[in-house]
């Protein structure tokens, strides 16, 4: 019996490969549909929603306000530059691509 099955598959190997690819493509398309709520296999439900990272969500925008009242007037520029350097090193430590770190002085 196994010999007959092997011989039948051997003769129609191209048809089996194409049929398998069609089935695989259909399953991939079904999973990729936007209205698909997920896949349930053996009682386990897998959510297929795409989870966007910060870069695809639009990034992060943080504003820090420094209290410079205790720093002498001449040292404020250097203090602000030092803070900017520290923040830049910490951001670059995580491999964030193209970070923009700026300082702005208002109301000197």
PDB file of N, CA and C in Angstrom:
ATOM      1  N   UNK A   1       0.817  -1.188   0.000  1.00  0.00           N
ATOM      2  CA  UNK A   1       0.000   0.000   0.000  1.00  0.00           C
ATOM      3  C   UNK A   1       0.867   1.260   0.000  1.00  0.00           C
ATOM      4  N   UNK A   2       1.906   1.287   0.848  1.00  0.00           N
ATOM      5  CA  UNK A   2       2.781   2.445   0.914  1.00  0.00           C
ATOM      6  C   UNK A   2       3.481   2.660  -0.424  1.00  0.00           C
ATOM      7  N   UNK A   3       3.812   1.587  -1.092  1.00  0.00           N
ATOM      8  CA  UNK A   3       4.467   1.685  -2.396  1.00  0.00           C
ATOM      9  C   UNK A   3       3.545   2.374  -3.401  1.00  0.00           C
ATOM     10  N   UNK A   4       2.278   2.052  -3.355  1.00  0.00           N
ATOM     11  CA  UNK A   4       1.309   2.638  -4.293  1.00  0.00           C
ATOM     12  C   UNK A   4       1.169   4.137  -4.017  1.00  0.00           C
ATOM     13  N   UNK A   5       1.100   4.506  -2.741  1.00  0.00           N
ATOM     14  CA  UNK A   5       0.968   5.914  -2.382  1.00  0.00           C
ATOM     15  C   UNK A   5       2.215   6.683  -2.815  1.00  0.00           C
ATOM     16  N   UNK A   6       3.416   6.133  -2.547  1.00  0.00           N
ATOM     17  CA  UNK A   6       4.654   6.796  -2.957  1.00  0.00           C
ATOM     18  C   UNK A   6       4.729   6.950  -4.467  1.00  0.00           C
ATOM     19  N   UNK A   7       4.306   5.923  -5.179  1.00  0.00           N
ATOM     20  CA  UNK A   7       4.346   5.969  -6.633  1.00  0.00           C
ATOM     21  C   UNK A   7       3.357   7.019  -7.171  1.00  0.00           C
ATOM     22  N   UNK A   8       2.172   7.101  -6.533  1.00  0.00           N
ATOM     23  CA  UNK A   8       1.169   8.062  -6.964  1.00  0.00           C
ATOM     24  C   UNK A   8       1.654   9.499  -6.706  1.00  0.00           C
ATOM     25  N   UNK A   9       2.285   9.721  -5.554  1.00  0.00           N
ATOM     26  CA  UNK A   9       2.822  11.038  -5.236  1.00  0.00           C
ATOM     27  C   UNK A   9       3.993  11.354  -6.158  1.00  0.00           C
ATOM     28  N   UNK A  10       4.819  10.375  -6.446  1.00  0.00           N
ATOM     29  CA  UNK A  10       5.970  10.577  -7.325  1.00  0.00           C
ATOM     30  C   UNK A  10       5.556  11.020  -8.713  1.00  0.00           C
ATOM     31  N   UNK A  11       4.501  10.453  -9.249  1.00  0.00           N
ATOM     32  CA  UNK A  11       4.043  10.810 -10.587  1.00  0.00           C
ATOM     33  C   UNK A  11       3.448  12.212 -10.607  1.00  0.00           C
ATOM     34  N   UNK A  12       2.764  12.578  -9.553  1.00  0.00           N
ATOM     35  CA  UNK A  12       2.060  13.861  -9.488  1.00  0.00           C
ATOM     36  C   UNK A  12       2.736  14.829  -8.514  1.00  0.00           C
ATOM     37  N   UNK A  13       4.034  14.731  -8.405  1.00  0.00           N
ATOM     38  CA  UNK A  13       4.755  15.545  -7.417  1.00  0.00           C
ATOM     39  C   UNK A  13       4.527  17.039  -7.639  1.00  0.00           C
ATOM     40  N   UNK A  14       4.559  17.498  -8.874  1.00  0.00           N
ATOM     41  CA  UNK A  14       4.357  18.910  -9.171  1.00  0.00           C
ATOM     42  C   UNK A  14       2.985  19.385  -8.726  1.00  0.00           C
ATOM     43  N   UNK A  15       1.969  18.561  -8.923  1.00  0.00           N
ATOM     44  CA  UNK A  15       0.610  18.911  -8.506  1.00  0.00           C
ATOM     45  C   UNK A  15       0.519  19.004  -6.988  1.00  0.00           C
ATOM     46  N   UNK A  16       1.190  18.112  -6.282  1.00  0.00           N
ATOM     47  CA  UNK A  16       1.175  18.138  -4.819  1.00  0.00           C
ATOM     48  C   UNK A  16       1.876  19.396  -4.288  1.00  0.00           C
ATOM     49  N   UNK A  17       2.999  19.755  -4.918  1.00  0.00           N
ATOM     50  CA  UNK A  17       3.731  20.941  -4.480  1.00  0.00           C
ATOM     51  C   UNK A  17       2.894  22.194  -4.713  1.00  0.00           C
ATOM     52  N   UNK A  18       2.301  22.301  -5.893  1.00  0.00           N
ATOM     53  CA  UNK A  18       1.462  23.462  -6.204  1.00  0.00           C
ATOM     54  C   UNK A  18       0.244  23.508  -5.286  1.00  0.00           C
ATOM     55  N   UNK A  19      -0.374  22.377  -5.030  1.00  0.00           N
ATOM     56  CA  UNK A  19      -1.516  22.318  -4.117  1.00  0.00           C
ATOM     57  C   UNK A  19      -1.132  22.750  -2.706  1.00  0.00           C
ATOM     58  N   UNK A  20       0.021  22.312  -2.236  1.00  0.00           N
ATOM     59  CA  UNK A  20       0.500  22.718  -0.915  1.00  0.00           C
ATOM     60  C   UNK A  20       0.764  24.214  -0.844  1.00  0.00           C
ATOM     61  N   UNK A  21       1.355  24.752  -1.908  1.00  0.00           N
ATOM     62  CA  UNK A  21       1.607  26.194  -1.941  1.00  0.00           C
ATOM     63  C   UNK A  21       0.311  26.989  -1.972  1.00  0.00           C
ATOM     64  N   UNK A  22      -0.686  26.505  -2.676  1.00  0.00           N
ATOM     65  CA  UNK A  22      -1.986  27.184  -2.715  1.00  0.00           C
ATOM     66  C   UNK A  22      -2.619  27.191  -1.328  1.00  0.00           C
ATOM     67  N   UNK A  23      -2.571  26.053  -0.652  1.00  0.00           N
ATOM     68  CA  UNK A  23      -3.140  25.957   0.699  1.00  0.00           C
ATOM     69  C   UNK A  23      -2.365  26.866   1.664  1.00  0.00           C
ATOM     70  N   UNK A  24      -1.058  26.858   1.578  1.00  0.00           N
ATOM     71  CA  UNK A  24      -0.240  27.703   2.445  1.00  0.00           C
ATOM     72  C   UNK A  24      -0.520  29.189   2.188  1.00  0.00           C
ATOM     73  N   UNK A  25      -0.664  29.557   0.929  1.00  0.00           N
ATOM     74  CA  UNK A  25      -0.975  30.946   0.585  1.00  0.00           C
ATOM     75  C   UNK A  25      -2.348  31.345   1.112  1.00  0.00           C
ATOM     76  N   UNK A  26      -3.329  30.445   0.991  1.00  0.00           N
ATOM     77  CA  UNK A  26      -4.678  30.741   1.481  1.00  0.00           C
ATOM     78  C   UNK A  26      -4.676  30.944   2.996  1.00  0.00           C
ATOM     79  N   UNK A  27      -3.955  30.114   3.717  1.00  0.00           N
ATOM     80  CA  UNK A  27      -3.883  30.247   5.178  1.00  0.00           C
ATOM     81  C   UNK A  27      -3.179  31.555   5.548  1.00  0.00           C
ATOM     82  N   UNK A  28      -2.090  31.904   4.853  1.00  0.00           N
ATOM     83  CA  UNK A  28      -1.373  33.143   5.141  1.00  0.00           C
ATOM     84  C   UNK A  28      -2.251  34.357   4.867  1.00  0.00           C
ATOM     85  N   UNK A  29      -3.002  34.327   3.780  1.00  0.00           N
ATOM     86  CA  UNK A  29      -3.907  35.441   3.470  1.00  0.00           C
ATOM     87  C   UNK A  29      -5.017  35.553   4.507  1.00  0.00           C
ATOM     88  N   UNK A  30      -5.550  34.427   4.951  1.00  0.00           N
ATOM     89  CA  UNK A  30      -6.608  34.455   5.964  1.00  0.00           C
ATOM     90  C   UNK A  30      -6.090  35.053   7.271  1.00  0.00           C
ATOM     91  N   UNK A  31      -4.879  34.698   7.654  1.00  0.00           N
ATOM     92  CA  UNK A  31      -4.302  35.227   8.888  1.00  0.00           C
ATOM     93  C   UNK A  31      -4.036  36.717   8.750  1.00  0.00           C
ATOM     94  N   UNK A  32      -3.660  37.152   7.548  1.00  0.00           N
ATOM     95  CA  UNK A  32      -3.278  38.541   7.326  1.00  0.00           C
ATOM     96  C   UNK A  32      -4.469  39.481   7.115  1.00  0.00           C
ATOM     97  N   UNK A  33      -5.664  38.958   7.036  1.00  0.00           N
ATOM     98  CA  UNK A  33      -6.834  39.816   6.831  1.00  0.00           C
ATOM     99  C   UNK A  33      -6.999  40.787   7.992  1.00  0.00           C
ATOM    100  N   UNK A  34      -7.365  42.046   7.725  1.00  0.00           N
ATOM    101  CA  UNK A  34      -7.459  43.024   8.809  1.00  0.00           C
ATOM    102  C   UNK A  34      -8.583  42.741   9.801  1.00  0.00           C
ATOM    103  N   UNK A  35      -9.637  42.053   9.398  1.00  0.00           N
ATOM    104  CA  UNK A  35     -10.758  41.776  10.296  1.00  0.00           C
ATOM    105  C   UNK A  35     -10.602  40.455  11.041  1.00  0.00           C
ATOM    106  N   UNK A  36      -9.489  39.800  10.866  1.00  0.00           N
ATOM    107  CA  UNK A  36      -9.261  38.534  11.532  1.00  0.00           C
ATOM    108  C   UNK A  36      -8.976  38.788  13.012  1.00  0.00           C
ATOM    109  N   UNK A  37      -9.762  38.201  13.879  1.00  0.00           N
ATOM    110  CA  UNK A  37      -9.617  38.427  15.309  1.00  0.00           C
ATOM    111  C   UNK A  37      -8.522  37.619  15.964  1.00  0.00           C
ATOM    112  N   UNK A  38      -7.969  36.671  15.265  1.00  0.00           N
ATOM    113  CA  UNK A  38      -6.926  35.834  15.824  1.00  0.00           C
ATOM    114  C   UNK A  38      -7.065  34.412  15.345  1.00  0.00           C
ATOM    115  N   UNK A  39      -6.228  33.569  15.841  1.00  0.00           N
ATOM    116  CA  UNK A  39      -6.223  32.166  15.465  1.00  0.00           C
ATOM    117  C   UNK A  39      -6.353  31.340  16.733  1.00  0.00           C
ATOM    118  N   UNK A  40      -7.221  30.346  16.704  1.00  0.00           N
ATOM    119  CA  UNK A  40      -7.382  29.444  17.844  1.00  0.00           C
ATOM    120  C   UNK A  40      -6.947  28.050  17.420  1.00  0.00           C
ATOM    121  N   UNK A  41      -5.930  27.547  18.085  1.00  0.00           N
ATOM    122  CA  UNK A  41      -5.421  26.200  17.793  1.00  0.00           C
ATOM    123  C   UNK A  41      -5.352  25.447  19.110  1.00  0.00           C
ATOM    124  N   UNK A  42      -6.107  24.372  19.205  1.00  0.00           N
ATOM    125  CA  UNK A  42      -6.077  23.554  20.411  1.00  0.00           C
ATOM    126  C   UNK A  42      -6.505  24.297  21.661  1.00  0.00           C
ATOM    127  N   UNK A  43      -7.442  25.203  21.549  1.00  0.00           N
ATOM    128  CA  UNK A  43      -7.928  25.939  22.709  1.00  0.00           C
ATOM    129  C   UNK A  43      -7.095  27.160  23.059  1.00  0.00           C
ATOM    130  N   UNK A  44      -5.965  27.352  22.401  1.00  0.00           N
ATOM    131  CA  UNK A  44      -5.116  28.509  22.646  1.00  0.00           C
ATOM    132  C   UNK A  44      -5.422  29.582  21.608  1.00  0.00           C
ATOM    133  N   UNK A  45      -5.813  30.771  22.076  1.00  0.00           N
ATOM    134  CA  UNK A  45      -6.123  31.864  21.160  1.00  0.00           C
ATOM    135  C   UNK A  45      -4.905  32.769  21.029  1.00  0.00           C
ATOM    136  N   UNK A  46      -4.525  33.023  19.792  1.00  0.00           N
ATOM    137  CA  UNK A  46      -3.371  33.883  19.501  1.00  0.00           C
ATOM    138  C   UNK A  46      -3.857  35.151  18.822  1.00  0.00           C
ATOM    139  N   UNK A  47      -3.630  36.296  19.473  1.00  0.00           N
ATOM    140  CA  UNK A  47      -4.000  37.583  18.906  1.00  0.00           C
ATOM    141  C   UNK A  47      -2.991  37.950  17.829  1.00  0.00           C
ATOM    142  N   UNK A  48      -3.479  38.321  16.669  1.00  0.00           N
ATOM    143  CA  UNK A  48      -2.593  38.637  15.555  1.00  0.00           C
ATOM    144  C   UNK A  48      -2.502  40.134  15.282  1.00  0.00           C
ATOM    145  N   UNK A  49      -2.897  40.950  16.238  1.00  0.00           N
ATOM    146  CA  UNK A  49      -2.843  42.398  16.054  1.00  0.00           C
ATOM    147  C   UNK A  49      -1.391  42.860  15.977  1.00  0.00           C
ATOM    148  N   UNK A  50      -1.124  43.812  15.113  1.00  0.00           N
ATOM    149  CA  UNK A  50       0.215  44.358  14.961  1.00  0.00           C
ATOM    150  C   UNK A  50       0.469  45.347  16.091  1.00  0.00           C
ATOM    151  N   UNK A  51       1.554  45.154  16.780  1.00  0.00           N
ATOM    152  CA  UNK A  51       1.927  46.047  17.870  1.00  0.00           C
ATOM    153  C   UNK A  51       3.019  46.975  17.358  1.00  0.00           C
ATOM    154  N   UNK A  52       2.715  48.269  17.299  1.00  0.00           N
ATOM    155  CA  UNK A  52       3.645  49.242  16.748  1.00  0.00           C
ATOM    156  C   UNK A  52       4.635  49.698  17.806  1.00  0.00           C
ATOM    157  N   UNK A  53       5.871  49.845  17.392  1.00  0.00           N
ATOM    158  CA  UNK A  53       6.892  50.386  18.264  1.00  0.00           C
ATOM    159  C   UNK A  53       6.811  51.899  18.294  1.00  0.00           C
ATOM    160  N   UNK A  54       7.653  52.512  19.115  1.00  0.00           N
ATOM    161  CA  UNK A  54       7.632  53.970  19.242  1.00  0.00           C
ATOM    162  C   UNK A  54       7.884  54.663  17.913  1.00  0.00           C
ATOM    163  N   UNK A  55       8.757  54.083  17.089  1.00  0.00           N
ATOM    164  CA  UNK A  55       9.072  54.741  15.828  1.00  0.00           C
ATOM    165  C   UNK A  55       7.880  54.753  14.881  1.00  0.00           C
ATOM    166  N   UNK A  56       7.039  53.731  14.916  1.00  0.00           N
ATOM    167  CA  UNK A  56       5.877  53.682  14.043  1.00  0.00           C
ATOM    168  C   UNK A  56       4.672  54.392  14.642  1.00  0.00           C
ATOM    169  N   UNK A  57       4.660  54.576  15.945  1.00  0.00           N
ATOM    170  CA  UNK A  57       3.559  55.286  16.591  1.00  0.00           C
ATOM    171  C   UNK A  57       3.729  56.797  16.495  1.00  0.00           C
ATOM    172  N   UNK A  58       4.866  57.239  16.098  1.00  0.00           N
ATOM    173  CA  UNK A  58       5.103  58.676  16.003  1.00  0.00           C
ATOM    174  C   UNK A  58       6.179  59.145  16.951  1.00  0.00           C
ATOM    175  N   UNK A  59       6.798  58.224  17.651  1.00  0.00           N
ATOM    176  CA  UNK A  59       7.899  58.582  18.535  1.00  0.00           C
ATOM    177  C   UNK A  59       7.439  59.074  19.887  1.00  0.00           C
ATOM    178  N   UNK A  60       8.381  59.585  20.624  1.00  0.00           N
ATOM    179  CA  UNK A  60       8.096  60.129  21.949  1.00  0.00           C
ATOM    180  C   UNK A  60       8.575  61.569  21.981  1.00  0.00           C
ATOM    181  N   UNK A  61       7.836  62.403  22.650  1.00  0.00           N
ATOM    182  CA  UNK A  61       8.172  63.819  22.763  1.00  0.00           C
ATOM    183  C   UNK A  61       8.156  64.174  24.248  1.00  0.00           C
ATOM    184  N   UNK A  62       9.309  64.450  24.783  1.00  0.00           N
ATOM    185  CA  UNK A  62       9.421  64.772  26.208  1.00  0.00           C
ATOM    186  C   UNK A  62       9.941  66.191  26.363  1.00  0.00           C
ATOM    187  N   UNK A  63       9.392  66.899  27.307  1.00  0.00           N
ATOM    188  CA  UNK A  63       9.852  68.253  27.622  1.00  0.00           C
ATOM    189  C   UNK A  63      10.202  68.290  29.109  1.00  0.00           C
ATOM    190  N   UNK A  64      11.446  68.632  29.392  1.00  0.00           N
ATOM    191  CA  UNK A  64      11.897  68.785  30.767  1.00  0.00           C
ATOM    192  C   UNK A  64      12.059  70.271  31.050  1.00  0.00           C
ATOM    193  N   UNK A  65      11.610  70.709  32.211  1.00  0.00           N
ATOM    194  CA  UNK A  65      11.780  72.098  32.618  1.00  0.00           C
ATOM    195  C   UNK A  65      12.770  72.107  33.785  1.00  0.00           C
ATOM    196  N   UNK A  66      13.830  72.870  33.594  1.00  0.00           N
ATOM    197  CA  UNK A  66      14.888  72.927  34.611  1.00  0.00           C
ATOM    198  C   UNK A  66      14.677  74.142  35.508  1.00  0.00           C
ATOM    199  N   UNK A  67      14.820  73.925  36.810  1.00  0.00           N
ATOM    200  CA  UNK A  67      14.776  75.020  37.767  1.00  0.00           C
ATOM    201  C   UNK A  67      16.202  75.533  37.928  1.00  0.00           C
ATOM    202  N   UNK A  68      16.484  76.689  37.327  1.00  0.00           N
ATOM    203  CA  UNK A  68      17.836  77.232  37.308  1.00  0.00           C
ATOM    204  C   UNK A  68      18.033  78.325  38.363  1.00  0.00           C
ATOM    205  N   UNK A  69      17.118  78.418  39.311  1.00  0.00           N
ATOM    206  CA  UNK A  69      17.196  79.514  40.292  1.00  0.00           C
ATOM    207  C   UNK A  69      18.414  79.380  41.203  1.00  0.00           C
ATOM    208  N   UNK A  70      18.893  78.185  41.479  1.00  0.00           N
ATOM    209  CA  UNK A  70      20.033  77.990  42.375  1.00  0.00           C
ATOM    210  C   UNK A  70      21.374  78.022  41.647  1.00  0.00           C
ATOM    211  N   UNK A  71      21.369  78.185  40.323  1.00  0.00           N
ATOM    212  CA  UNK A  71      22.605  78.165  39.540  1.00  0.00           C
ATOM    213  C   UNK A  71      22.959  79.604  39.167  1.00  0.00           C
ATOM    214  N   UNK A  72      24.229  79.920  39.285  1.00  0.00           N
ATOM    215  CA  UNK A  72      24.697  81.274  38.963  1.00  0.00           C
ATOM    216  C   UNK A  72      24.435  81.589  37.495  1.00  0.00           C
ATOM    217  N   UNK A  73      24.199  82.860  37.206  1.00  0.00           N
ATOM    218  CA  UNK A  73      23.835  83.299  35.850  1.00  0.00           C
ATOM    219  C   UNK A  73      24.864  82.872  34.802  1.00  0.00           C
ATOM    220  N   UNK A  74      26.129  82.932  35.104  1.00  0.00           N
ATOM    221  CA  UNK A  74      27.187  82.584  34.146  1.00  0.00           C
ATOM    222  C   UNK A  74      27.310  81.093  33.902  1.00  0.00           C
ATOM    223  N   UNK A  75      26.850  80.274  34.841  1.00  0.00           N
ATOM    224  CA  UNK A  75      26.993  78.820  34.720  1.00  0.00           C
ATOM    225  C   UNK A  75      25.780  78.133  34.104  1.00  0.00           C
ATOM    226  N   UNK A  76      24.734  78.858  33.829  1.00  0.00           N
ATOM    227  CA  UNK A  76      23.489  78.243  33.352  1.00  0.00           C
ATOM    228  C   UNK A  76      23.644  77.610  31.970  1.00  0.00           C
ATOM    229  N   UNK A  77      24.363  78.242  31.085  1.00  0.00           N
ATOM    230  CA  UNK A  77      24.558  77.692  29.744  1.00  0.00           C
ATOM    231  C   UNK A  77      25.316  76.375  29.809  1.00  0.00           C
ATOM    232  N   UNK A  78      26.387  76.341  30.626  1.00  0.00           N
ATOM    233  CA  UNK A  78      27.167  75.109  30.769  1.00  0.00           C
ATOM    234  C   UNK A  78      26.357  74.007  31.440  1.00  0.00           C
ATOM    235  N   UNK A  79      25.543  74.379  32.432  1.00  0.00           N
ATOM    236  CA  UNK A  79      24.712  73.385  33.122  1.00  0.00           C
ATOM    237  C   UNK A  79      23.688  72.774  32.177  1.00  0.00           C
ATOM    238  N   UNK A  80      23.087  73.613  31.357  1.00  0.00           N
ATOM    239  CA  UNK A  80      22.097  73.129  30.399  1.00  0.00           C
ATOM    240  C   UNK A  80      22.741  72.231  29.348  1.00  0.00           C
ATOM    241  N   UNK A  81      23.932  72.589  28.895  1.00  0.00           N
ATOM    242  CA  UNK A  81      24.653  71.759  27.919  1.00  0.00           C
ATOM    243  C   UNK A  81      25.032  70.416  28.545  1.00  0.00           C
ATOM    244  N   UNK A  82      25.422  70.432  29.816  1.00  0.00           N
ATOM    245  CA  UNK A  82      25.751  69.175  30.497  1.00  0.00           C
ATOM    246  C   UNK A  82      24.550  68.262  30.636  1.00  0.00           C
ATOM    247  N   UNK A  83      23.409  68.846  30.962  1.00  0.00           N
ATOM    248  CA  UNK A  83      22.183  68.049  31.072  1.00  0.00           C
ATOM    249  C   UNK A  83      21.814  67.453  29.716  1.00  0.00           C
ATOM    250  N   UNK A  84      21.942  68.279  28.655  1.00  0.00           N
ATOM    251  CA  UNK A  84      21.637  67.781  27.310  1.00  0.00           C
ATOM    252  C   UNK A  84      22.551  66.612  26.947  1.00  0.00           C
ATOM    253  N   UNK A  85      23.838  66.706  27.278  1.00  0.00           N
ATOM    254  CA  UNK A  85      24.786  65.624  26.976  1.00  0.00           C
ATOM    255  C   UNK A  85      24.425  64.345  27.721  1.00  0.00           C
ATOM    256  N   UNK A  86      24.025  64.474  28.968  1.00  0.00           N
ATOM    257  CA  UNK A  86      23.645  63.292  29.760  1.00  0.00           C
ATOM    258  C   UNK A  86      22.414  62.614  29.152  1.00  0.00           C
ATOM    259  N   UNK A  87      21.407  63.410  28.809  1.00  0.00           N
ATOM    260  CA  UNK A  87      20.191  62.847  28.208  1.00  0.00           C
ATOM    261  C   UNK A  87      20.522  62.195  26.870  1.00  0.00           C
ATOM    262  N   UNK A  88      21.377  62.823  26.081  1.00  0.00           N
ATOM    263  CA  UNK A  88      21.750  62.271  24.769  1.00  0.00           C
ATOM    264  C   UNK A  88      22.486  60.943  24.921  1.00  0.00           C
ATOM    265  N   UNK A  89      23.385  60.841  25.870  1.00  0.00           N
ATOM    266  CA  UNK A  89      24.095  59.568  26.103  1.00  0.00           C
ATOM    267  C   UNK A  89      23.127  58.471  26.519  1.00  0.00           C
ATOM    268  N   UNK A  90      22.175  58.795  27.368  1.00  0.00           N
ATOM    269  CA  UNK A  90      21.209  57.788  27.823  1.00  0.00           C
ATOM    270  C   UNK A  90      20.296  57.333  26.690  1.00  0.00           C
ATOM    271  N   UNK A  91      19.891  58.256  25.834  1.00  0.00           N
ATOM    272  CA  UNK A  91      19.041  57.886  24.704  1.00  0.00           C
ATOM    273  C   UNK A  91      19.829  57.033  23.720  1.00  0.00           C
ATOM    274  N   UNK A  92      21.062  57.413  23.421  1.00  0.00           N
ATOM    275  CA  UNK A  92      21.884  56.657  22.477  1.00  0.00           C
ATOM    276  C   UNK A  92      22.288  55.298  23.029  1.00  0.00           C
ATOM    277  N   UNK A  93      22.272  55.142  24.339  1.00  0.00           N
ATOM    278  CA  UNK A  93      22.592  53.858  24.953  1.00  0.00           C
ATOM    279  C   UNK A  93      21.615  52.778  24.501  1.00  0.00           C
ATOM    280  N   UNK A  94      20.364  53.156  24.272  1.00  0.00           N
ATOM    281  CA  UNK A  94      19.336  52.200  23.866  1.00  0.00           C
ATOM    282  C   UNK A  94      19.243  52.032  22.356  1.00  0.00           C
ATOM    283  N   UNK A  95      20.115  52.696  21.607  1.00  0.00           N
ATOM    284  CA  UNK A  95      20.142  52.513  20.167  1.00  0.00           C
ATOM    285  C   UNK A  95      18.990  53.163  19.432  1.00  0.00           C
ATOM    286  N   UNK A  96      18.453  54.226  19.964  1.00  0.00           N
ATOM    287  CA  UNK A  96      17.367  54.932  19.298  1.00  0.00           C
ATOM    288  C   UNK A  96      17.929  55.581  18.042  1.00  0.00           C
ATOM    289  N   UNK A  97      17.268  55.358  16.917  1.00  0.00           N
ATOM    290  CA  UNK A  97      17.782  55.922  15.674  1.00  0.00           C
ATOM    291  C   UNK A  97      17.316  57.357  15.505  1.00  0.00           C
ATOM    292  N   UNK A  98      18.246  58.186  15.117  1.00  0.00           N
ATOM    293  CA  UNK A  98      18.011  59.587  14.827  1.00  0.00           C
ATOM    294  C   UNK A  98      17.296  60.349  15.946  1.00  0.00           C
ATOM    295  N   UNK A  99      17.816  60.324  17.164  1.00  0.00           N
ATOM    296  CA  UNK A  99      17.172  61.115  18.218  1.00  0.00           C
ATOM    297  C   UNK A  99      17.477  62.602  18.023  1.00  0.00           C
ATOM    298  N   UNK A 100      16.523  63.420  18.373  1.00  0.00           N
ATOM    299  CA  UNK A 100      16.712  64.870  18.330  1.00  0.00           C
ATOM    300  C   UNK A 100      16.583  65.378  19.757  1.00  0.00           C
ATOM    301  N   UNK A 101      17.678  65.850  20.282  1.00  0.00           N
ATOM    302  CA  UNK A 101      17.701  66.352  21.652  1.00  0.00           C
ATOM    303  C   UNK A 101      18.119  67.810  21.584  1.00  0.00           C
ATOM    304  N   UNK A 102      17.227  68.687  22.028  1.00  0.00           N
ATOM    305  CA  UNK A 102      17.466  70.111  21.917  1.00  0.00           C
ATOM    306  C   UNK A 102      17.268  70.783  23.262  1.00  0.00           C
ATOM    307  N   UNK A 103      17.934  71.921  23.416  1.00  0.00           N
ATOM    308  CA  UNK A 103      17.703  72.752  24.595  1.00  0.00           C
ATOM    309  C   UNK A 103      17.146  74.088  24.116  1.00  0.00           C
ATOM    310  N   UNK A 104      16.358  74.695  24.982  1.00  0.00           N
ATOM    311  CA  UNK A 104      15.736  75.968  24.666  1.00  0.00           C
ATOM    312  C   UNK A 104      15.709  76.792  25.930  1.00  0.00           C
ATOM    313  N   UNK A 105      16.131  78.011  25.835  1.00  0.00           N
ATOM    314  CA  UNK A 105      16.132  78.896  26.996  1.00  0.00           C
ATOM    315  C   UNK A 105      15.051  79.936  26.816  1.00  0.00           C
ATOM    316  N   UNK A 106      14.196  80.054  27.816  1.00  0.00           N
ATOM    317  CA  UNK A 106      13.096  81.016  27.783  1.00  0.00           C
ATOM    318  C   UNK A 106      13.159  81.860  29.042  1.00  0.00           C
ATOM    319  N   UNK A 107      13.006  83.131  28.903  1.00  0.00           N
ATOM    320  CA  UNK A 107      12.918  84.019  30.065  1.00  0.00           C
ATOM    321  C   UNK A 107      14.186  84.139  30.858  1.00  0.00           C
ATOM    322  N   UNK A 108      15.322  84.369  30.216  1.00  0.00           N
ATOM    323  CA  UNK A 108      16.587  84.521  30.946  1.00  0.00           C
ATOM    324  C   UNK A 108      16.524  85.651  31.908  1.00  0.00           C
TER     325      UNK A 108
END
